[in-house]
C-alpha atoms as a PDB file:
ATOM      1  CA  UNK A   1      18.313 -19.401   5.625  1.00  0.00           C
ATOM      2  CA  UNK A   2      15.838 -17.508   3.514  1.00  0.00           C
ATOM      3  CA  UNK A   3      12.964 -19.587   2.289  1.00  0.00           C
ATOM      4  CA  UNK A   4      12.280 -19.741  -1.421  1.00  0.00           C
ATOM      5  CA  UNK A   5       9.650 -17.450  -2.901  1.00  0.00           C
ATOM      6  CA  UNK A   6       6.097 -18.722  -2.684  1.00  0.00           C
ATOM      7  CA  UNK A   7       2.618 -17.497  -3.485  1.00  0.00           C
ATOM      8  CA  UNK A   8       0.632 -15.703  -0.812  1.00  0.00           C
ATOM      9  CA  UNK A   9      -2.426 -14.372  -2.550  1.00  0.00           C
ATOM     10  CA  UNK A  10      -4.533 -13.678  -5.552  1.00  0.00           C
ATOM     11  CA  UNK A  11      -4.815 -10.820  -7.972  1.00  0.00           C
ATOM     12  CA  UNK A  12      -6.336  -7.685  -6.470  1.00  0.00           C
ATOM     13  CA  UNK A  13      -6.299  -4.469  -8.460  1.00  0.00           C
ATOM     14  CA  UNK A  14      -6.798  -0.798  -7.678  1.00  0.00           C
ATOM     15  CA  UNK A  15      -7.640   1.867 -10.232  1.00  0.00           C
ATOM     16  CA  UNK A  16      -3.881   2.144 -10.793  1.00  0.00           C
ATOM     17  CA  UNK A  17      -3.796  -1.612 -11.582  1.00  0.00           C
ATOM     18  CA  UNK A  18      -1.406  -2.550  -8.790  1.00  0.00           C
ATOM     19  CA  UNK A  19      -1.192  -6.207  -7.864  1.00  0.00           C
ATOM     20  CA  UNK A  20      -1.599  -6.244  -4.106  1.00  0.00           C
ATOM     21  CA  UNK A  21      -0.685  -9.828  -3.279  1.00  0.00           C
ATOM     22  CA  UNK A  22       2.589 -11.110  -4.522  1.00  0.00           C
ATOM     23  CA  UNK A  23       5.641 -13.152  -3.731  1.00  0.00           C
ATOM     24  CA  UNK A  24       7.025 -13.529  -0.249  1.00  0.00           C
ATOM     25  CA  UNK A  25      10.190 -14.656   1.514  1.00  0.00           C
ATOM     26  CA  UNK A  26      10.737 -15.425   5.185  1.00  0.00           C
ATOM     27  CA  UNK A  27      13.075 -13.067   7.042  1.00  0.00           C
ATOM     28  CA  UNK A  28      15.776 -14.685   9.171  1.00  0.00           C
ATOM     29  CA  UNK A  29      15.535 -13.987  12.878  1.00  0.00           C
ATOM     30  CA  UNK A  30      18.968 -12.368  13.149  1.00  0.00           C
ATOM     31  CA  UNK A  31      20.504  -8.909  13.157  1.00  0.00           C
ATOM     32  CA  UNK A  32      21.117  -8.887   9.386  1.00  0.00           C
ATOM     33  CA  UNK A  33      18.112 -10.973   8.385  1.00  0.00           C
ATOM     34  CA  UNK A  34      16.050  -8.132   6.937  1.00  0.00           C
ATOM     35  CA  UNK A  35      19.036  -6.727   5.029  1.00  0.00           C
ATOM     36  CA  UNK A  36      19.724 -10.124   3.443  1.00  0.00           C
ATOM     37  CA  UNK A  37      16.031 -10.584   2.607  1.00  0.00           C
ATOM     38  CA  UNK A  38      15.772  -7.125   1.012  1.00  0.00           C
ATOM     39  CA  UNK A  39      18.950  -7.626  -1.037  1.00  0.00           C
ATOM     40  CA  UNK A  40      17.771 -11.036  -2.279  1.00  0.00           C
ATOM     41  CA  UNK A  41      14.302  -9.716  -3.094  1.00  0.00           C
ATOM     42  CA  UNK A  42      15.658  -6.661  -4.955  1.00  0.00           C
ATOM     43  CA  UNK A  43      18.196  -8.841  -6.789  1.00  0.00           C
ATOM     44  CA  UNK A  44      15.431 -11.220  -7.820  1.00  0.00           C
ATOM     45  CA  UNK A  45      13.272  -8.349  -9.078  1.00  0.00           C
ATOM     46  CA  UNK A  46      16.193  -6.952 -11.095  1.00  0.00           C
ATOM     47  CA  UNK A  47      16.720 -10.384 -12.638  1.00  0.00           C
ATOM     48  CA  UNK A  48      13.131 -10.300 -14.002  1.00  0.00           C
ATOM     49  CA  UNK A  49      13.740  -7.015 -15.879  1.00  0.00           C
ATOM     50  CA  UNK A  50      15.027  -6.749 -19.445  1.00  0.00           C
ATOM     51  CA  UNK A  51      16.440  -3.447 -20.635  1.00  0.00           C
ATOM     52  CA  UNK A  52      16.280  -2.504 -24.327  1.00  0.00           C
ATOM     53  CA  UNK A  53      20.086  -2.332 -24.444  1.00  0.00           C
ATOM     54  CA  UNK A  54      22.612  -4.979 -23.497  1.00  0.00           C
ATOM     55  CA  UNK A  55      23.898  -4.882 -19.941  1.00  0.00           C
ATOM     56  CA  UNK A  56      26.699  -2.376 -19.532  1.00  0.00           C
ATOM     57  CA  UNK A  57      30.121  -3.967 -18.857  1.00  0.00           C
ATOM     58  CA  UNK A  58      30.195  -2.612 -15.296  1.00  0.00           C
ATOM     59  CA  UNK A  59      26.674  -3.873 -14.569  1.00  0.00           C
ATOM     60  CA  UNK A  60      23.505  -1.950 -13.782  1.00  0.00           C
ATOM     61  CA  UNK A  61      23.452   1.204 -11.647  1.00  0.00           C
ATOM     62  CA  UNK A  62      20.900   1.479  -8.841  1.00  0.00           C
ATOM     63  CA  UNK A  63      20.357   5.019  -7.623  1.00  0.00           C
ATOM     64  CA  UNK A  64      19.118   5.063  -4.046  1.00  0.00           C
ATOM     65  CA  UNK A  65      17.045   8.156  -3.283  1.00  0.00           C
ATOM     66  CA  UNK A  66      15.624   8.952   0.116  1.00  0.00           C
ATOM     67  CA  UNK A  67      15.925   6.844   3.249  1.00  0.00           C
ATOM     68  CA  UNK A  68      15.123   3.139   2.858  1.00  0.00           C
ATOM     69  CA  UNK A  69      12.729   1.838   5.519  1.00  0.00           C
ATOM     70  CA  UNK A  70      13.756  -1.821   5.485  1.00  0.00           C
ATOM     71  CA  UNK A  71      17.540  -1.784   5.086  1.00  0.00           C
ATOM     72  CA  UNK A  72      20.185   0.905   5.023  1.00  0.00           C
ATOM     73  CA  UNK A  73      22.738  -1.494   3.472  1.00  0.00           C
ATOM     74  CA  UNK A  74      21.590  -1.997  -0.092  1.00  0.00           C
ATOM     75  CA  UNK A  75      23.606  -4.487  -2.136  1.00  0.00           C
ATOM     76  CA  UNK A  76      21.242  -6.405  -4.451  1.00  0.00           C
ATOM     77  CA  UNK A  77      22.033 -10.106  -4.688  1.00  0.00           C
ATOM     78  CA  UNK A  78      21.518 -10.923  -8.377  1.00  0.00           C
ATOM     79  CA  UNK A  79      20.997 -14.617  -9.098  1.00  0.00           C
ATOM     80  CA  UNK A  80      23.296 -15.744 -11.911  1.00  0.00           C
ATOM     81  CA  UNK A  81      25.515 -13.370 -13.882  1.00  0.00           C
ATOM     82  CA  UNK A  82      25.243  -9.626 -13.499  1.00  0.00           C
ATOM     83  CA  UNK A  83      25.886  -7.041 -10.874  1.00  0.00           C
ATOM     84  CA  UNK A  84      24.395  -3.855  -9.492  1.00  0.00           C
ATOM     85  CA  UNK A  85      26.390  -0.836  -8.342  1.00  0.00           C
ATOM     86  CA  UNK A  86      24.551   1.212  -5.709  1.00  0.00           C
ATOM     87  CA  UNK A  87      24.842   5.007  -5.582  1.00  0.00           C
ATOM     88  CA  UNK A  88      23.153   7.147  -2.943  1.00  0.00           C
ATOM     89  CA  UNK A  89      21.980  10.376  -4.513  1.00  0.00           C
ATOM     90  CA  UNK A  90      19.640  13.287  -3.892  1.00  0.00           C
ATOM     91  CA  UNK A  91      16.365  13.448  -5.815  1.00  0.00           C
ATOM     92  CA  UNK A  92      17.655  16.398  -7.827  1.00  0.00           C
ATOM     93  CA  UNK A  93      20.804  14.474  -8.823  1.00  0.00           C
ATOM     94  CA  UNK A  94      19.157  11.574 -10.689  1.00  0.00           C
ATOM     95  CA  UNK A  95      20.826  11.095 -14.059  1.00  0.00           C
ATOM     96  CA  UNK A  96      20.209   8.932 -17.140  1.00  0.00           C
ATOM     97  CA  UNK A  97      22.853   6.424 -15.963  1.00  0.00           C
ATOM     98  CA  UNK A  98      20.446   5.238 -13.243  1.00  0.00           C
ATOM     99  CA  UNK A  99      19.122   1.896 -14.530  1.00  0.00           C
ATOM    100  CA  UNK A 100      17.276   1.195 -11.290  1.00  0.00           C
ATOM    101  CA  UNK A 101      15.722   3.768  -8.991  1.00  0.00           C
ATOM    102  CA  UNK A 102      15.155   2.667  -5.390  1.00  0.00           C
ATOM    103  CA  UNK A 103      12.845   5.099  -3.618  1.00  0.00           C
ATOM    104  CA  UNK A 104      12.990   5.262   0.165  1.00  0.00           C
ATOM    105  CA  UNK A 105      11.190   7.743   2.413  1.00  0.00           C
ATOM    106  CA  UNK A 106      11.171  11.191   0.843  1.00  0.00           C
ATOM    107  CA  UNK A 107       8.933  14.206   0.380  1.00  0.00           C
ATOM    108  CA  UNK A 108       5.887  13.506  -1.783  1.00  0.00           C
ATOM    109  CA  UNK A 109       6.880  16.228  -4.268  1.00  0.00           C
ATOM    110  CA  UNK A 110      10.279  14.566  -4.838  1.00  0.00           C
ATOM    111  CA  UNK A 111       8.638  11.148  -5.361  1.00  0.00           C
ATOM    112  CA  UNK A 112       6.177  12.592  -7.900  1.00  0.00           C
ATOM    113  CA  UNK A 113       8.992  14.348  -9.762  1.00  0.00           C
ATOM    114  CA  UNK A 114      11.070  11.152  -9.949  1.00  0.00           C
ATOM    115  CA  UNK A 115       8.153   8.985 -11.097  1.00  0.00           C
ATOM    116  CA  UNK A 116       7.339  11.572 -13.789  1.00  0.00           C
ATOM    117  CA  UNK A 117      11.006  11.605 -14.893  1.00  0.00           C
ATOM    118  CA  UNK A 118      11.067   7.797 -15.208  1.00  0.00           C
ATOM    119  CA  UNK A 119       8.027   7.525 -17.512  1.00  0.00           C
ATOM    120  CA  UNK A 120       9.130   6.399 -20.950  1.00  0.00           C
ATOM    121  CA  UNK A 121      12.689   5.677 -19.801  1.00  0.00           C
ATOM    122  CA  UNK A 122      14.245   2.226 -19.302  1.00  0.00           C
ATOM    123  CA  UNK A 123      14.439   2.616 -15.514  1.00  0.00           C
ATOM    124  CA  UNK A 124      13.241  -0.023 -13.059  1.00  0.00           C
ATOM    125  CA  UNK A 125      11.576   1.541 -10.007  1.00  0.00           C
ATOM    126  CA  UNK A 126      11.414  -0.162  -6.604  1.00  0.00           C
ATOM    127  CA  UNK A 127      10.263   1.290  -3.296  1.00  0.00           C
ATOM    128  CA  UNK A 128       9.950   0.190   0.315  1.00  0.00           C
ATOM    129  CA  UNK A 129       7.827   3.216   1.246  1.00  0.00           C
ATOM    130  CA  UNK A 130       4.561   2.368  -0.566  1.00  0.00           C
ATOM    131  CA  UNK A 131       3.343  -1.106   0.391  1.00  0.00           C
ATOM    132  CA  UNK A 132       0.070  -0.631  -1.532  1.00  0.00           C
ATOM    133  CA  UNK A 133       2.070   0.219  -4.681  1.00  0.00           C
ATOM    134  CA  UNK A 134      -0.162   3.118  -5.713  1.00  0.00           C
ATOM    135  CA  UNK A 135       2.322   6.006  -6.058  1.00  0.00           C
ATOM    136  CA  UNK A 136       3.983   5.006  -9.323  1.00  0.00           C
ATOM    137  CA  UNK A 137       6.837   2.584  -8.581  1.00  0.00           C
ATOM    138  CA  UNK A 138       6.873  -0.697 -10.527  1.00  0.00           C
ATOM    139  CA  UNK A 139       7.688  -2.913  -7.530  1.00  0.00           C
ATOM    140  CA  UNK A 140       6.862  -2.214  -3.897  1.00  0.00           C
ATOM    141  CA  UNK A 141       8.406  -4.071  -0.961  1.00  0.00           C
ATOM    142  CA  UNK A 142       6.358  -4.778   2.141  1.00  0.00           C
ATOM    143  CA  UNK A 143       7.405  -6.168   5.529  1.00  0.00           C
ATOM    144  CA  UNK A 144       4.757  -8.039   7.522  1.00  0.00           C
ATOM    145  CA  UNK A 145       5.132 -10.519  10.374  1.00  0.00           C
ATOM    146  CA  UNK A 146       8.698 -11.727   9.774  1.00  0.00           C
ATOM    147  CA  UNK A 147       8.287 -11.895   6.010  1.00  0.00           C
ATOM    148  CA  UNK A 148       9.072  -9.694   3.058  1.00  0.00           C
ATOM    149  CA  UNK A 149       6.804  -9.514   0.022  1.00  0.00           C
ATOM    150  CA  UNK A 150       6.417  -7.368  -3.060  1.00  0.00           C
ATOM    151  CA  UNK A 151       3.543  -5.941  -5.055  1.00  0.00           C
ATOM    152  CA  UNK A 152       3.606  -5.172  -8.764  1.00  0.00           C
ATOM    153  CA  UNK A 153       2.188  -2.012 -10.349  1.00  0.00           C
ATOM    154  CA  UNK A 154       1.228  -3.166 -13.844  1.00  0.00           C
ATOM    155  CA  UNK A 155       0.321   0.361 -14.951  1.00  0.00           C
ATOM    156  CA  UNK A 156       3.804   1.670 -14.065  1.00  0.00           C
ATOM    157  CA  UNK A 157       5.462  -1.241 -15.884  1.00  0.00           C
ATOM    158  CA  UNK A 158       3.362  -0.587 -18.987  1.00  0.00           C
ATOM    159  CA  UNK A 159       4.474   3.057 -19.205  1.00  0.00           C
ATOM    160  CA  UNK A 160       8.083   2.342 -20.055  1.00  0.00           C
ATOM    161  CA  UNK A 161      10.293   0.372 -22.427  1.00  0.00           C
ATOM    162  CA  UNK A 162      11.494  -2.156 -19.813  1.00  0.00           C
ATOM    163  CA  UNK A 163      10.210  -5.670 -20.260  1.00  0.00           C
ATOM    164  CA  UNK A 164       9.362  -7.649 -17.158  1.00  0.00           C
ATOM    165  CA  UNK A 165       9.428 -11.427 -17.394  1.00  0.00           C
ATOM    166  CA  UNK A 166       5.803 -12.636 -17.356  1.00  0.00           C
ATOM    167  CA  UNK A 167       6.651 -15.123 -14.605  1.00  0.00           C
ATOM    168  CA  UNK A 168       6.838 -12.275 -12.093  1.00  0.00           C
ATOM    169  CA  UNK A 169       3.350 -11.189 -13.111  1.00  0.00           C
ATOM    170  CA  UNK A 170       2.116 -14.773 -12.665  1.00  0.00           C
ATOM    171  CA  UNK A 171       3.727 -14.907  -9.225  1.00  0.00           C
ATOM    172  CA  UNK A 172       2.146 -11.593  -8.328  1.00  0.00           C
ATOM    173  CA  UNK A 173      -1.179 -12.582  -9.793  1.00  0.00           C
ATOM    174  CA  UNK A 174      -1.345 -16.047  -8.269  1.00  0.00           C
ATOM    175  CA  UNK A 175      -1.998 -17.573 -11.708  1.00  0.00           C
ATOM    176  CA  UNK A 176       0.230 -20.585 -11.267  1.00  0.00           C
ATOM    177  CA  UNK A 177       3.941 -20.180 -11.593  1.00  0.00           C
ATOM    178  CA  UNK A 178       5.313 -22.363  -8.858  1.00  0.00           C
ATOM    179  CA  UNK A 179       6.978 -21.866  -5.557  1.00  0.00           C
END
């Protein structure tokens, strides 16, 4: 089983104000362990976000751009009510119906274009190709020694209309919050 989220560090910032130490989950030692861990982590991150509009009846749409490094089978596991539909698209095909943008490996120019497009829009950005969280995504997944963690880019969160539950910032910042 996946262990519950727990704190692994303290607040460390870069000029881009990224929180480097964050929440972590243990990855099962099995063939699908990383996929399950990624889907739980992404689902948990989505559950912390609040869009300015009510959830659409069909749920949120996650547009997957590039090649994910940690799991090729994305199906976010949202705790509680809600769902996420995953669409694989090219960088040039991103549309306003993308509520969540998951950025895998891709050319730097495409990543910059997508991050610029997102600014000011209610789009949650998550990547598994920027562990230091310095290239503009809001949340950055990182795999180290049989565990999966995430970093938070406070600057990226502050540039858009999405609201992120302060508990995720406390988890990322190590300022209490629980386990």
